[in-house]
Protein backbone atom coordinates (compact mmCIF):
# COMPACT_ATOMS: atom_id res chain seq x y z
CA UNK A 1 107.34 145.81 101.51
CA UNK A 2 106.27 142.75 103.58
CA UNK A 3 105.86 139.40 101.84
CA UNK A 4 102.34 138.57 100.75
CA UNK A 5 100.73 136.02 103.07
CA UNK A 6 98.41 133.11 102.42
CA UNK A 7 94.96 133.04 104.05
CA UNK A 8 92.41 130.27 104.37
CA UNK A 9 89.52 132.21 102.86
CA UNK A 10 91.32 132.50 99.51
CA UNK A 11 92.02 128.78 99.04
CA UNK A 12 89.88 126.17 97.32
CA UNK A 13 90.20 122.42 96.99
CA UNK A 14 92.02 121.66 93.74
CA UNK A 15 94.16 124.83 93.76
CA UNK A 16 97.62 124.00 92.40
CA UNK A 17 100.88 125.20 93.90
CA UNK A 18 103.36 126.91 91.55
CA UNK A 19 105.77 124.20 90.38
CA UNK A 20 109.33 124.38 91.69
CA UNK A 21 112.00 123.18 89.22
CA UNK A 22 115.43 122.57 90.71
CA UNK A 23 118.76 122.67 88.86
CA UNK A 24 120.02 119.26 87.66
CA UNK A 25 121.55 117.18 90.44
CA UNK A 26 125.37 117.07 90.28
CA UNK A 27 128.09 115.39 92.33
CA UNK A 28 129.18 118.67 93.92
CA UNK A 29 125.68 119.11 95.32
CA UNK A 30 125.73 115.54 96.67
CA UNK A 31 129.05 116.22 98.43
CA UNK A 32 127.76 119.49 99.90
CA UNK A 33 124.61 117.79 101.11
CA UNK A 34 126.65 115.04 102.75
CA UNK A 35 128.68 117.66 104.62
CA UNK A 36 125.63 119.68 105.66
CA UNK A 37 123.56 116.68 106.79
CA UNK A 38 126.36 114.53 108.19
CA UNK A 39 125.21 111.64 106.00
CA UNK A 40 128.43 110.33 104.43
CA UNK A 41 126.99 107.09 103.06
CA UNK A 42 129.47 106.24 100.25
CA UNK A 43 126.70 105.27 97.81
CA UNK A 44 125.96 109.00 97.52
CA UNK A 45 129.52 110.35 97.15
CA UNK A 46 131.90 107.52 96.17
CA UNK A 47 131.50 106.49 92.52
CA UNK A 48 133.72 103.40 92.79
CA UNK A 49 131.95 102.15 95.88
CA UNK A 50 128.50 102.73 94.35
CA UNK A 51 129.47 100.65 91.31
CA UNK A 52 130.97 97.93 93.51
CA UNK A 53 127.56 97.37 95.11
CA UNK A 54 125.78 97.18 91.76
CA UNK A 55 124.73 100.77 91.17
CA UNK A 56 125.42 102.52 87.85
CA UNK A 57 126.72 105.55 89.78
CA UNK A 58 126.20 107.48 92.98
CA UNK A 59 122.62 108.65 93.58
CA UNK A 60 120.87 111.40 95.53
CA UNK A 61 119.78 110.76 99.13
CA UNK A 62 116.02 110.61 99.48
CA UNK A 63 116.21 113.30 102.15
CA UNK A 64 117.61 115.72 99.58
CA UNK A 65 114.50 115.36 97.43
CA UNK A 66 112.37 115.56 100.58
CA UNK A 67 114.01 118.90 101.31
CA UNK A 68 113.09 120.12 97.84
CA UNK A 69 109.42 119.27 98.42
CA UNK A 70 109.71 120.95 101.80
CA UNK A 71 110.94 124.10 100.07
CA UNK A 72 107.91 124.02 97.77
CA UNK A 73 105.42 123.89 100.65
CA UNK A 74 107.27 126.42 102.83
CA UNK A 75 107.58 128.93 99.98
CA UNK A 76 103.88 128.56 99.22
CA UNK A 77 102.45 128.61 102.76
CA UNK A 78 103.49 132.15 103.58
CA UNK A 79 102.57 132.94 107.15
CA UNK A 80 101.15 129.45 107.73
CA UNK A 81 102.26 126.88 110.30
CA UNK A 82 103.39 123.45 109.15
CA UNK A 83 101.53 120.87 111.24
CA UNK A 84 102.38 117.68 109.35
CA UNK A 85 104.78 116.66 106.59
CA UNK A 86 105.10 113.12 105.27
CA UNK A 87 106.74 111.66 102.14
CA UNK A 88 107.21 108.30 100.45
CA UNK A 89 110.20 107.52 98.23
CA UNK A 90 109.23 106.14 94.81
CA UNK A 91 112.23 106.22 92.47
CA UNK A 92 115.95 106.96 92.69
CA UNK A 93 117.31 110.32 91.57
CA UNK A 94 120.64 110.26 89.72
CA UNK A 95 123.24 112.90 88.83
CA UNK A 96 121.92 114.85 85.86
CA UNK A 97 118.27 114.43 86.86
CA UNK A 98 116.12 117.54 87.16
CA UNK A 99 113.58 117.42 89.99
CA UNK A 100 110.29 119.28 89.56
CA UNK A 101 108.18 119.63 92.72
CA UNK A 102 104.40 120.03 92.46
CA UNK A 103 101.38 120.13 94.73
CA UNK A 104 97.69 120.93 95.08
CA UNK A 105 95.18 121.59 97.85
CA UNK A 106 93.41 118.30 98.58
CA UNK A 107 91.38 119.16 101.67
CA UNK A 108 90.25 122.19 103.69
CA UNK A 109 88.30 122.52 106.92
CA UNK A 110 87.88 124.81 109.89
CA UNK A 111 86.37 124.60 113.36
CA UNK A 112 86.50 126.70 116.49
CA UNK A 113 88.58 129.44 114.91
CA UNK A 114 91.31 127.08 113.62
CA UNK A 115 91.70 126.54 109.88
CA UNK A 116 93.63 123.84 108.04
CA UNK A 117 94.46 122.84 104.48
CA UNK A 118 95.92 119.51 103.42
CA UNK A 119 98.27 119.60 100.45
CA UNK A 120 99.09 116.68 98.17
CA UNK A 121 102.75 116.82 97.10
CA UNK A 122 104.83 115.00 94.50
CA UNK A 123 108.15 115.27 92.66
CA UNK A 124 108.96 114.21 89.10
CA UNK A 125 112.16 113.88 87.12
CA UNK A 126 112.77 115.38 83.68
CA UNK A 127 111.04 112.40 82.05
CA UNK A 128 107.87 113.00 84.03
CA UNK A 129 108.48 109.93 86.21
CA UNK A 130 107.26 110.08 89.80
CA UNK A 131 110.20 110.01 92.24
CA UNK A 132 108.46 111.01 95.49
CA UNK A 133 104.95 111.46 96.89
CA UNK A 134 103.92 113.26 100.03
CA UNK A 135 101.38 115.35 101.89
CA UNK A 136 101.31 118.06 104.48
CA UNK A 137 98.89 119.94 106.70
CA UNK A 138 99.10 123.71 107.08
CA UNK A 139 97.32 125.84 109.67
CA UNK A 140 96.37 129.32 108.47
CA UNK A 141 94.65 132.45 109.65
CA UNK A 142 91.20 132.76 108.12
CA UNK A 143 91.92 136.24 106.76
CA UNK A 144 94.05 139.32 107.30
CA UNK A 145 91.42 140.60 109.72
CA UNK A 146 91.62 137.32 111.65
CA UNK A 147 95.40 137.59 111.88
CA UNK A 148 95.25 141.19 113.11
CA UNK A 149 92.64 140.27 115.73
CA UNK A 150 94.66 137.37 117.10
CA UNK A 151 97.95 139.25 117.12
CA UNK A 152 96.28 142.00 119.14
CA UNK A 153 95.06 139.49 121.71
CA UNK A 154 91.45 139.27 120.53
CA UNK A 155 89.45 136.12 119.86
CA UNK A 156 89.78 134.59 116.37
CA UNK A 157 87.14 134.86 113.69
CA UNK A 158 85.04 131.70 113.90
CA UNK A 159 83.64 130.27 110.69
CA UNK A 160 82.55 126.63 110.67
CA UNK A 161 83.87 125.11 107.44
CA UNK A 162 82.84 121.49 106.80
CA UNK A 163 85.54 119.24 105.40
CA UNK A 164 85.95 119.56 101.64
CA UNK A 165 88.25 117.17 99.78
CA UNK A 166 89.22 115.99 96.32
CA UNK A 167 88.06 112.49 97.22
CA UNK A 168 84.55 113.71 98.02
CA UNK A 169 84.45 115.76 94.81
CA UNK A 170 85.47 112.74 92.73
CA UNK A 171 82.87 110.54 94.40
CA UNK A 172 80.05 112.99 93.65
CA UNK A 173 78.73 112.52 90.11
CA UNK A 174 77.41 115.46 88.07
CA UNK A 175 73.62 115.84 87.63
CA UNK A 176 73.96 114.96 83.92
CA UNK A 177 75.80 111.75 84.76
CA UNK A 178 73.17 110.84 87.37
CA UNK A 179 70.34 111.32 84.86
CA UNK A 180 72.13 109.21 82.28
CA UNK A 181 72.68 106.46 84.85
CA UNK A 182 68.98 106.49 85.76
CA UNK A 183 67.99 106.29 82.09
CA UNK A 184 70.33 103.35 81.52
CA UNK A 185 68.96 101.57 84.60
CA UNK A 186 65.37 102.22 83.50
CA UNK A 187 66.13 100.93 79.99
CA UNK A 188 67.73 97.82 81.45
CA UNK A 189 64.76 97.13 83.72
CA UNK A 190 62.39 97.64 80.79
CA UNK A 191 64.32 95.14 78.70
CA UNK A 192 64.23 92.58 81.52
CA UNK A 193 60.47 93.00 81.92
CA UNK A 194 59.91 92.66 78.18
CA UNK A 195 61.99 89.48 78.16
CA UNK A 196 60.05 88.06 81.09
CA UNK A 197 56.72 88.66 79.31
CA UNK A 198 57.86 87.28 75.96
CA UNK A 199 58.79 83.88 77.38
CA UNK A 200 55.22 82.82 78.43
CA UNK A 201 53.88 84.21 75.17
CA UNK A 202 56.31 82.09 73.16
CA UNK A 203 55.37 79.02 75.21
CA UNK A 204 51.67 79.64 74.64
CA UNK A 205 51.99 79.89 70.83
CA UNK A 206 52.30 76.11 70.17
CA UNK A 207 49.32 75.42 72.43
CA UNK A 208 47.21 77.89 70.45
CA UNK A 209 48.12 76.16 67.19
CA UNK A 210 47.10 72.74 68.59
CA UNK A 211 43.75 74.14 69.72
CA UNK A 212 43.03 75.39 66.16
CA UNK A 213 43.77 71.97 64.72
């Protein structure tokens, strides 16, 4: 049975990726990674050297955690094409730490038969502390029908999808909030007008008393 694929039509901004929890980092894994990557920096594999330069122990290379986030997005984007992948290192990962990789759809748009989703990515340790942030862009077929058409040499399905993003959603207030804001503004303006009228009235009161005398 073929693996289920991901299509653009089924995704919405805010959709969360299934979290990926990795086994606790150990020194054997660090040694294997050094051999596989060719990165033999002693701060990652030599305990005595790491302590000699002021570290409490060896620590995981940032690229190892980057690979874990990469696994999250590649496992999720079944049938998609990775167009961009960027990360920023936040906090060191030590032996014994458990890395949990998470993500969510932050943007989607389509034009001319090409469809893209942007995914916000991050990794946390077992204490919930952020150790890495990142983002990626995935190109997808619009639907199964679109994929079948293109693989048979036909033109893609064209649906113009304006850009939708989490930032735009956050910037747009709900109707209830807008009404409350208008009421507060109106109340504030009313109070200012009342204050402006009361000042001349208060000034005129002594003059009225003098006139009576």
